Amino acid sequence: MSGNGAAAAIYVVVFIIAVVVKIVIVVYVCNKRSNIQVDPLVTDSRFIPLTMVKFLDDMEREKPIRFTSQQLRIATENFSILLGRGGFGTVYKGIFSNGTTVAVKVLNGSSDKRIEEQFMAEVSTMGRTHHFNLVRLYGFCFESSLRALVYEFMINGSLDNHLFKANKDAMIGFQKLKEIAVGTARGIAYLHEECPQRIVHYDIKPGNILLDSNFCAKVADFGLAKLFNRDNTHITMTGGRGTPGYAAPELWMPLPVSHKCDVYSFGMLLFEIVGRRRNMDVTLGDSQKWFPIWVWDRYEKKQMKVLMIVCGVEEKDEEDAERMVKLALCCVQYRPESRPVMSIVVKMLEGALEVPEPSNPFYHLISGVNDVNDSVARMAYYGGGSDWSTSEAVTTCSVVRGTPLMRKYEITMASE
C-alpha cells in the first residue's frame, strides 16, 4: 500500500472513532436529562410571549410586600409628612426610590393584642382583594418597633374633607358626588358578593372613602373588617363596632348581625352626600338637627322640592337626588332584612332598577317602646348628639310581603 493510501485509511478510522464517540456522548447526555425533573414552568417559559411573561411577573409583584422599618423611615423622611390621624393609626406620606408615592399607616392601639387584631384584619382582607373601588395594599411592616400598612396614595384625600367644606363654591359638583356614591357602592358590593369569602367592613363613612386624582371613590380602612363564611347568615360579635351615627342599630344592641350593617352605613352616607352636611349638626334648629329624620318628614309629606332647595340641589340634578334620598331611606331600615343587598343598591343608584317606596325607617323612634339598651341605641343613631328625647329601640316588628319588586330583590317592609 502506498503512503497516500495508508494516510487515507488512518483518516477514515479516526473519523469513524470520532463519530462513534460523539454518538455515545449524545446518548449519555439524553439519558441523564431524562432522569432530571424539569420544572414545566421553566421549560414552557421559552414558548411564552414576552408580554405574557411581563404580565405574570407583575401579578407576582402584586402580592403584599414585607417592608422593613428602615425602608419605611427612609420613604417617609422619618415619618415627617402627616396626612391624618384616626382611631386605628396615624397616616404619613412616603415616596419610594422608584418614585411611587404611598400612604403609610402606623398602627396604634390600647394593647399589642389590639394592634395585632387591626393588622390581621387589614392584611387578611386587603391582601386578597383587587377592585377599582378599593384602596390597594402595597405591603406591610411588622417589627417590634413598627407595625405599619403601606397603601396607594390618594391625592384628593377623604370624602369628608370635601363634603363638609364651609366654602360651598369649592365643593364637588352633584354629578361627581353621585359617581362617588356609585363607586363606593360597587366597592362594598364586591366585598359582600364577589370575594371568595364575604368581607364585612363595619365602618363605612365619609372619612373612609378616599378619592384619587379623578375623584374616583376607593373604600379604605379595614381595621374593623371581618371575614365570614357565606353559608353563615349572621356574624358572632364580641363587642360594638363601627362609628356612632353610621353604625347599624344591631351593632350596638344584642341583635343578630349580618353584612346588611354595611348597607345601613351606606344609607347614612347617602344622606350626607345629598345634604352635603353632617347628619347630626347641633348648630341647626331642632327640626333639622338630625338630618335623616328631617328628610323622612319631607318625603312623607311630599315636600321633596323643599328638601332640594334646602340642600342646594339644582333642578337638573333633582331626579338623581330624589332617587338617592329614596334609596337612603331603604338602606337605613331598622330591620336588616328590610335593606336591599349592595349589588341591587348599585343598580338602583345607576337608574337601572326602580327604587321601591320606602316605609318609615324611624318608626320605632317615636313608637314609645323602651329598651334596656336605650342610651346605646341613641348613640348609634345620632352619633353622640344631645337630643335624647325619644326612644329608639324596638323589640318586635311585624313584616309584610311588600311589592313584587321588593320581594324579588330581597327587600321587605316593616308594617307601621
Protein backbone atom coordinates (compact mmCIF):
# COMPACT_ATOMS: atom_id res chain seq x y z
CA MET A 1 0.00 0.00 0.00
CA SER A 2 1.40 3.37 -0.94
CA GLY A 3 1.94 6.16 1.58
CA ASN A 4 -1.09 8.07 0.38
CA GLY A 5 -3.34 5.02 0.77
CA ALA A 6 -2.17 4.42 4.34
CA ALA A 7 -2.86 8.04 5.29
CA ALA A 8 -6.34 7.87 3.85
CA ALA A 9 -7.08 4.67 5.77
CA ILE A 10 -5.89 6.24 9.04
CA TYR A 11 -8.10 9.33 8.37
CA VAL A 12 -11.16 7.13 7.81
CA VAL A 13 -10.52 5.18 11.03
CA VAL A 14 -10.10 8.41 13.07
CA PHE A 15 -13.29 9.86 11.55
CA ILE A 16 -15.29 6.73 12.42
CA ILE A 17 -13.95 6.74 16.00
CA ALA A 18 -14.86 10.42 16.37
CA VAL A 19 -18.40 9.81 15.13
CA VAL A 20 -18.86 6.85 17.48
CA VAL A 21 -17.58 8.85 20.46
CA LYS A 22 -19.95 11.73 19.62
CA ILE A 23 -22.91 9.33 19.40
CA VAL A 24 -22.02 7.83 22.79
CA ILE A 25 -21.79 11.25 24.37
CA VAL A 26 -25.17 12.35 22.92
CA VAL A 27 -26.84 9.14 24.12
CA TYR A 28 -25.34 9.59 27.59
CA VAL A 29 -26.48 13.21 27.90
CA CYS A 30 -30.00 12.36 26.71
CA ASN A 31 -30.26 9.57 29.27
CA LYS A 32 -29.12 11.93 32.04
CA ARG A 33 -31.68 14.56 31.03
CA SER A 34 -34.48 12.03 31.02
CA ASN A 35 -33.80 11.40 34.71
CA ILE A 36 -33.88 15.10 35.69
CA GLN A 37 -37.19 16.61 36.99
CA VAL A 38 -37.60 19.71 34.86
CA ASP A 39 -39.91 22.47 36.05
CA PRO A 40 -42.60 22.69 33.35
CA LEU A 41 -42.94 26.43 34.00
CA VAL A 42 -39.25 26.93 33.19
CA THR A 43 -39.48 24.77 30.07
CA ASP A 44 -42.67 26.45 28.91
CA SER A 45 -41.30 29.96 29.51
CA ARG A 46 -39.26 29.65 26.33
CA PHE A 47 -42.52 29.49 24.39
CA ILE A 48 -44.48 32.19 26.33
CA PRO A 49 -44.66 35.59 24.61
CA LEU A 50 -42.60 38.30 26.29
CA THR A 51 -45.71 40.40 27.05
CA MET A 52 -47.26 37.46 28.92
CA VAL A 53 -44.04 36.86 30.90
CA LYS A 54 -44.11 40.53 31.98
CA PHE A 55 -47.78 40.25 32.93
CA LEU A 56 -47.12 37.18 35.11
CA ASP A 57 -44.19 38.94 36.77
CA ASP A 58 -46.43 41.92 37.51
CA MET A 59 -49.06 39.61 39.01
CA GLU A 60 -46.42 38.09 41.28
CA ARG A 61 -45.34 41.54 42.40
CA GLU A 62 -48.93 42.47 43.29
CA LYS A 63 -48.71 40.34 46.43
CA PRO A 64 -48.24 42.50 49.57
CA ILE A 65 -44.55 43.23 50.13
CA ARG A 66 -42.96 42.95 53.55
CA PHE A 67 -41.05 46.17 54.18
CA THR A 68 -38.50 46.81 56.92
CA SER A 69 -38.91 49.67 59.37
CA GLN A 70 -35.75 51.23 57.92
CA GLN A 71 -37.23 51.24 54.40
CA LEU A 72 -40.37 52.98 55.63
CA ARG A 73 -38.44 55.52 57.70
CA ILE A 74 -36.43 56.47 54.64
CA ALA A 75 -39.51 56.63 52.39
CA THR A 76 -41.43 58.85 54.87
CA GLU A 77 -38.42 61.01 55.85
CA ASN A 78 -38.68 59.57 59.35
CA PHE A 79 -42.48 59.97 59.38
CA SER A 80 -42.36 63.72 58.97
CA ILE A 81 -45.24 64.32 56.49
CA LEU A 82 -48.50 63.78 58.35
CA LEU A 83 -51.60 63.02 56.26
CA GLY A 84 -54.10 62.33 59.02
CA ARG A 85 -54.96 60.61 62.28
CA GLY A 86 -57.69 58.10 63.05
CA GLY A 87 -58.88 55.73 65.71
CA PHE A 88 -56.61 52.96 64.42
CA GLY A 89 -53.46 54.76 63.38
CA THR A 90 -51.56 57.75 62.08
CA VAL A 91 -51.04 58.10 58.33
CA TYR A 92 -47.89 59.55 56.75
CA LYS A 93 -46.92 60.30 53.17
CA GLY A 94 -43.96 58.42 51.72
CA ILE A 95 -42.08 58.22 48.43
CA PHE A 96 -40.01 55.19 47.43
CA SER A 97 -36.81 55.42 45.38
CA ASN A 98 -38.69 54.36 42.22
CA GLY A 99 -40.97 57.40 42.56
CA THR A 100 -44.04 55.57 43.91
CA THR A 101 -45.98 57.72 46.38
CA VAL A 102 -47.61 55.82 49.25
CA ALA A 103 -49.63 56.34 52.41
CA VAL A 104 -48.08 54.61 55.41
CA LYS A 105 -50.47 53.90 58.27
CA VAL A 106 -48.67 53.31 61.56
CA LEU A 107 -51.00 51.26 63.74
CA ASN A 108 -51.74 52.18 67.31
CA GLY A 109 -53.99 50.72 69.95
CA SER A 110 -54.50 50.22 73.64
CA SER A 111 -52.53 46.95 73.61
CA ASP A 112 -50.31 44.78 71.44
CA LYS A 113 -53.22 42.38 71.04
CA ARG A 114 -55.47 45.14 69.70
CA ILE A 115 -52.78 46.30 67.25
CA GLU A 116 -52.30 42.73 66.05
CA GLU A 117 -56.06 42.37 65.51
CA GLN A 118 -56.13 45.55 63.43
CA PHE A 119 -53.08 44.40 61.47
CA MET A 120 -54.53 40.97 60.68
CA ALA A 121 -57.94 42.44 59.79
CA GLU A 122 -56.47 44.78 57.19
CA VAL A 123 -53.83 42.47 55.69
CA SER A 124 -56.14 39.44 55.51
CA THR A 125 -58.85 41.43 53.74
CA MET A 126 -56.91 43.87 51.57
CA GLY A 127 -54.24 41.32 50.71
CA ARG A 128 -56.81 39.18 48.91
CA THR A 129 -58.94 41.84 47.22
CA HIS A 130 -58.43 43.59 43.90
CA HIS A 131 -61.07 46.07 42.82
CA PHE A 132 -61.00 49.51 41.27
CA ASN A 133 -63.08 50.95 44.13
CA LEU A 134 -60.93 49.55 46.94
CA VAL A 135 -57.68 51.13 48.07
CA ARG A 136 -54.76 48.90 47.10
CA LEU A 137 -52.48 47.48 49.80
CA TYR A 138 -48.86 47.57 48.62
CA GLY A 139 -47.36 45.93 51.68
CA PHE A 140 -46.75 45.98 55.40
CA CYS A 141 -44.16 46.10 58.17
CA PHE A 142 -44.44 44.04 61.32
CA GLU A 143 -41.50 44.55 63.66
CA SER A 144 -41.29 45.12 67.39
CA SER A 145 -40.56 48.80 66.75
CA LEU A 146 -43.09 49.36 63.96
CA ARG A 147 -46.42 47.90 62.82
CA ALA A 148 -47.49 49.62 59.64
CA LEU A 149 -49.52 49.20 56.45
CA VAL A 150 -48.48 50.67 53.10
CA TYR A 151 -51.30 51.80 50.78
CA GLU A 152 -51.55 53.56 47.46
CA PHE A 153 -51.63 57.32 47.91
CA MET A 154 -54.94 59.11 47.27
CA ILE A 155 -54.10 62.66 46.26
CA ASN A 156 -57.59 64.11 46.95
CA GLY A 157 -57.86 62.74 50.47
CA SER A 158 -61.07 61.57 52.07
CA LEU A 159 -64.64 62.43 51.12
CA ASP A 160 -65.42 64.18 54.41
CA ASN A 161 -62.84 66.86 53.62
CA HIS A 162 -64.88 67.78 50.52
CA LEU A 163 -68.46 67.21 51.73
CA PHE A 164 -68.31 69.43 54.79
CA LYS A 165 -66.39 72.44 53.48
CA ALA A 166 -67.52 75.83 54.71
CA ASN A 167 -66.94 77.27 51.24
CA LYS A 168 -69.82 75.79 49.24
CA ASP A 169 -68.42 77.07 45.94
CA ALA A 170 -65.34 74.84 46.38
CA MET A 171 -67.39 71.70 46.88
CA ILE A 172 -67.61 68.79 44.44
CA GLY A 173 -70.47 69.04 41.94
CA PHE A 174 -73.55 66.87 42.43
CA GLN A 175 -72.94 64.57 39.45
CA LYS A 176 -69.41 63.84 40.67
CA LEU A 177 -70.86 63.12 44.13
CA LYS A 178 -73.27 60.68 42.51
CA GLU A 179 -70.32 58.95 40.80
CA ILE A 180 -68.57 58.74 44.17
CA ALA A 181 -71.69 57.16 45.69
CA VAL A 182 -71.88 54.60 42.86
CA GLY A 183 -68.17 53.77 43.14
CA THR A 184 -68.46 53.31 46.89
CA ALA A 185 -71.47 51.03 46.44
CA ARG A 186 -69.58 48.95 43.87
CA GLY A 187 -66.66 48.52 46.24
CA ILE A 188 -68.92 47.33 49.06
CA ALA A 189 -70.86 45.04 46.70
CA TYR A 190 -67.55 43.43 45.69
CA LEU A 191 -66.68 42.80 49.34
CA HIS A 192 -70.09 41.31 50.08
CA GLU A 193 -70.86 39.33 46.94
CA GLU A 194 -67.78 38.73 44.78
CA CYS A 195 -64.95 37.81 47.15
CA PRO A 196 -64.38 34.08 47.87
CA GLN A 197 -65.24 34.89 51.49
CA ARG A 198 -67.68 37.67 52.24
CA ILE A 199 -65.97 40.67 53.83
CA VAL A 200 -67.94 42.98 56.11
CA HIS A 201 -66.35 46.42 56.51
CA TYR A 202 -68.28 47.65 59.59
CA ASP A 203 -67.14 51.27 59.30
CA ILE A 204 -68.48 52.85 56.10
CA LYS A 205 -68.39 56.64 56.46
CA PRO A 206 -67.08 59.68 54.52
CA GLY A 207 -63.73 59.56 56.32
CA ASN A 208 -63.11 56.05 54.98
CA ILE A 209 -63.92 56.89 51.34
CA LEU A 210 -60.73 58.12 49.65
CA LEU A 211 -60.55 59.95 46.32
CA ASP A 212 -57.91 59.57 43.62
CA SER A 213 -56.73 62.24 41.15
CA ASN A 214 -60.00 61.88 39.19
CA PHE A 215 -62.15 61.88 42.35
CA CYS A 216 -62.95 58.18 41.91
CA ALA A 217 -64.04 56.59 45.18
CA LYS A 218 -61.88 53.99 46.94
CA VAL A 219 -63.16 52.28 50.11
CA ALA A 220 -60.40 52.25 52.74
CA ASP A 221 -59.62 51.47 56.39
CA PHE A 222 -60.37 47.83 57.06
CA GLY A 223 -59.29 47.87 60.71
CA LEU A 224 -62.72 46.58 61.77
CA ALA A 225 -63.33 44.31 58.79
CA LYS A 226 -64.24 40.68 59.32
CA LEU A 227 -64.29 37.66 57.01
CA PHE A 228 -67.09 35.15 57.32
CA ASN A 229 -68.41 32.13 55.52
CA ARG A 230 -71.21 32.79 53.05
CA ASP A 231 -73.16 29.90 54.50
CA ASN A 232 -73.47 31.78 57.79
CA THR A 233 -76.44 34.12 57.87
CA HIS A 234 -75.20 36.03 60.91
CA ILE A 235 -71.87 37.03 62.45
CA THR A 236 -70.84 36.44 66.04
CA MET A 237 -69.87 39.77 67.63
CA THR A 238 -67.72 40.27 70.71
CA GLY A 239 -68.44 43.97 71.15
CA GLY A 240 -69.76 47.11 69.50
CA ARG A 241 -68.21 48.05 66.16
CA GLY A 242 -68.41 50.99 63.83
CA THR A 243 -68.81 54.74 64.27
CA PRO A 244 -71.83 56.16 66.13
CA GLY A 245 -74.11 57.88 63.66
CA TYR A 246 -73.21 55.43 60.88
CA ALA A 247 -73.31 52.08 62.70
CA ALA A 248 -76.44 49.96 62.26
CA PRO A 249 -78.53 49.51 65.43
CA GLU A 250 -77.79 45.77 65.56
CA LEU A 251 -74.10 46.56 66.10
CA TRP A 252 -74.88 48.35 69.34
CA MET A 253 -77.62 46.13 70.70
CA PRO A 254 -77.99 42.38 71.36
CA LEU A 255 -79.39 41.64 67.89
CA PRO A 256 -78.15 39.32 65.09
CA VAL A 257 -75.53 40.95 62.85
CA SER A 258 -75.06 40.38 59.11
CA HIS A 259 -73.44 42.11 56.13
CA LYS A 260 -76.54 44.30 55.98
CA CYS A 261 -74.92 46.54 58.63
CA ASP A 262 -72.75 47.97 55.82
CA VAL A 263 -75.91 48.71 53.82
CA TYR A 264 -77.23 50.76 56.74
CA SER A 265 -73.98 52.72 57.00
CA PHE A 266 -74.03 53.36 53.25
CA GLY A 267 -77.55 54.76 53.61
CA MET A 268 -76.33 57.20 56.25
CA LEU A 269 -73.50 58.15 53.90
CA LEU A 270 -76.03 58.85 51.12
CA PHE A 271 -77.93 61.29 53.36
CA GLU A 272 -74.73 63.25 53.91
CA ILE A 273 -73.88 63.22 50.19
CA VAL A 274 -77.30 64.60 49.23
CA GLY A 275 -77.37 67.16 52.06
CA ARG A 276 -73.65 67.96 51.84
CA ARG A 277 -73.76 68.27 55.61
CA ARG A 278 -73.25 66.04 58.63
CA ASN A 279 -76.31 64.06 59.65
CA MET A 280 -76.00 65.36 63.19
CA ASP A 281 -75.45 69.11 63.34
CA VAL A 282 -76.13 70.66 66.75
CA THR A 283 -75.73 74.17 65.29
CA LEU A 284 -79.03 73.85 63.44
CA GLY A 285 -82.53 74.12 64.85
CA ASP A 286 -84.19 71.12 66.48
CA SER A 287 -86.22 70.36 63.36
CA GLN A 288 -83.09 69.77 61.27
CA LYS A 289 -80.62 68.70 63.95
CA TRP A 290 -80.72 65.05 62.87
CA PHE A 291 -80.91 65.24 59.08
CA PRO A 292 -82.22 61.70 58.21
CA ILE A 293 -85.43 62.03 60.21
CA TRP A 294 -85.99 65.53 58.78
CA VAL A 295 -85.56 64.05 55.29
CA TRP A 296 -88.14 61.36 56.04
CA ASP A 297 -90.56 64.02 57.25
CA ARG A 298 -90.16 65.94 53.96
CA TYR A 299 -90.55 62.74 51.95
CA GLU A 300 -93.62 61.58 53.83
CA LYS A 301 -95.28 64.98 53.38
CA LYS A 302 -94.35 65.05 49.67
CA GLN A 303 -92.23 68.14 50.19
CA MET A 304 -89.26 66.97 48.13
CA LYS A 305 -88.98 70.39 46.47
CA VAL A 306 -88.36 71.91 49.89
CA LEU A 307 -85.66 69.34 50.52
CA MET A 308 -83.98 70.14 47.19
CA ILE A 309 -83.96 73.86 47.96
CA VAL A 310 -82.56 73.36 51.46
CA CYS A 311 -79.84 71.02 50.12
CA GLY A 312 -78.97 73.37 47.27
CA VAL A 313 -79.72 70.78 44.58
CA GLU A 314 -80.03 72.28 41.10
CA GLU A 315 -83.10 71.49 39.02
CA LYS A 316 -81.11 69.37 36.54
CA ASP A 317 -79.97 67.11 39.41
CA GLU A 318 -83.30 66.78 41.24
CA GLU A 319 -84.26 63.41 39.72
CA ASP A 320 -80.94 61.84 40.77
CA ALA A 321 -81.13 63.44 44.21
CA GLU A 322 -84.67 62.15 44.81
CA ARG A 323 -83.58 58.65 43.79
CA MET A 324 -80.68 58.83 46.26
CA VAL A 325 -82.98 60.02 49.04
CA LYS A 326 -85.43 57.16 48.49
CA LEU A 327 -82.58 54.67 48.35
CA ALA A 328 -81.04 56.05 51.54
CA LEU A 329 -84.38 55.56 53.31
CA CYS A 330 -84.49 51.95 52.04
CA CYS A 331 -80.93 51.29 53.22
CA VAL A 332 -81.45 52.52 56.79
CA GLN A 333 -84.49 50.40 57.57
CA TYR A 334 -84.39 49.24 61.18
CA ARG A 335 -84.68 45.55 60.33
CA PRO A 336 -81.63 44.23 58.40
CA GLU A 337 -83.76 42.02 56.17
CA SER A 338 -85.64 45.12 55.03
CA ARG A 339 -82.48 46.59 53.49
CA PRO A 340 -81.51 45.78 49.88
CA VAL A 341 -78.27 43.95 49.02
CA MET A 342 -75.46 46.14 47.70
CA SER A 343 -75.49 44.85 44.12
CA ILE A 344 -79.11 46.00 43.91
CA VAL A 345 -78.17 49.31 45.52
CA VAL A 346 -75.69 49.85 42.68
CA LYS A 347 -78.35 49.18 40.02
CA MET A 348 -80.83 51.49 41.73
CA LEU A 349 -78.26 54.28 42.02
CA GLU A 350 -77.48 53.95 38.33
CA GLY A 351 -81.17 54.08 37.46
CA ALA A 352 -81.24 50.55 36.02
CA LEU A 353 -83.80 49.49 38.64
CA GLU A 354 -86.69 51.34 40.20
CA VAL A 355 -86.28 52.28 43.86
CA PRO A 356 -89.29 50.94 45.83
CA GLU A 357 -91.30 53.27 48.03
CA PRO A 358 -89.61 53.12 51.45
CA SER A 359 -91.51 52.65 54.66
CA ASN A 360 -90.71 54.80 57.69
CA PRO A 361 -87.27 53.63 58.86
CA PHE A 362 -87.59 55.65 62.06
CA TYR A 363 -90.99 54.43 63.17
CA HIS A 364 -89.51 52.89 66.31
CA LEU A 365 -88.02 56.25 67.34
CA ILE A 366 -91.49 57.64 68.02
CA SER A 367 -93.27 54.40 68.92
CA GLY A 368 -92.87 54.85 72.66
CA VAL A 369 -91.19 51.46 73.07
CA ASN A 370 -88.41 51.47 75.67
CA ASP A 371 -85.40 49.19 75.86
CA VAL A 372 -82.63 48.48 78.37
CA ASN A 373 -80.12 49.50 75.68
CA ASP A 374 -81.87 52.81 75.01
CA SER A 375 -78.85 55.04 75.63
CA VAL A 376 -76.59 52.89 73.44
CA ALA A 377 -79.15 52.92 70.66
CA ARG A 378 -79.34 56.71 70.84
CA MET A 379 -75.60 56.97 70.44
CA ALA A 380 -75.68 54.60 67.48
CA TYR A 381 -78.35 56.58 65.69
CA TYR A 382 -77.34 60.14 66.38
CA GLY A 383 -73.58 59.81 66.68
CA GLY A 384 -73.22 61.44 70.07
CA GLY A 385 -75.80 64.18 69.64
CA SER A 386 -77.52 65.70 72.66
CA ASP A 387 -81.17 65.33 71.73
CA TRP A 388 -82.19 62.15 73.58
CA SER A 389 -85.87 62.98 73.96
CA THR A 390 -87.23 59.96 72.10
CA SER A 391 -86.94 56.22 72.47
CA GLU A 392 -85.08 54.28 69.74
CA ALA A 393 -85.34 50.58 70.43
CA VAL A 394 -87.97 48.17 69.24
CA THR A 395 -88.39 44.59 70.38
CA THR A 396 -90.92 43.27 67.91
CA CYS A 397 -91.95 44.30 64.43
CA SER A 398 -94.26 42.56 62.01
CA VAL A 399 -93.21 42.26 58.36
CA VAL A 400 -95.39 42.41 55.29
CA ARG A 401 -94.52 40.96 51.90
CA GLY A 402 -94.25 44.31 50.09
CA THR A 403 -94.37 44.82 46.34
CA PRO A 404 -93.26 42.19 43.76
CA LEU A 405 -90.13 44.28 43.08
CA MET A 406 -89.26 44.30 46.77
CA ARG A 407 -89.76 40.55 47.07
CA LYS A 408 -87.59 39.93 44.01
CA TYR A 409 -84.67 41.92 45.35
CA GLU A 410 -84.71 40.80 48.99
CA ILE A 411 -86.42 43.91 50.32
CA THR A 412 -89.16 43.59 52.89
CA MET A 413 -91.15 46.37 54.50
CA ALA A 414 -91.91 46.85 58.16
CA SER A 415 -95.61 47.50 58.80
CA GLU A 416 -96.49 50.67 60.61
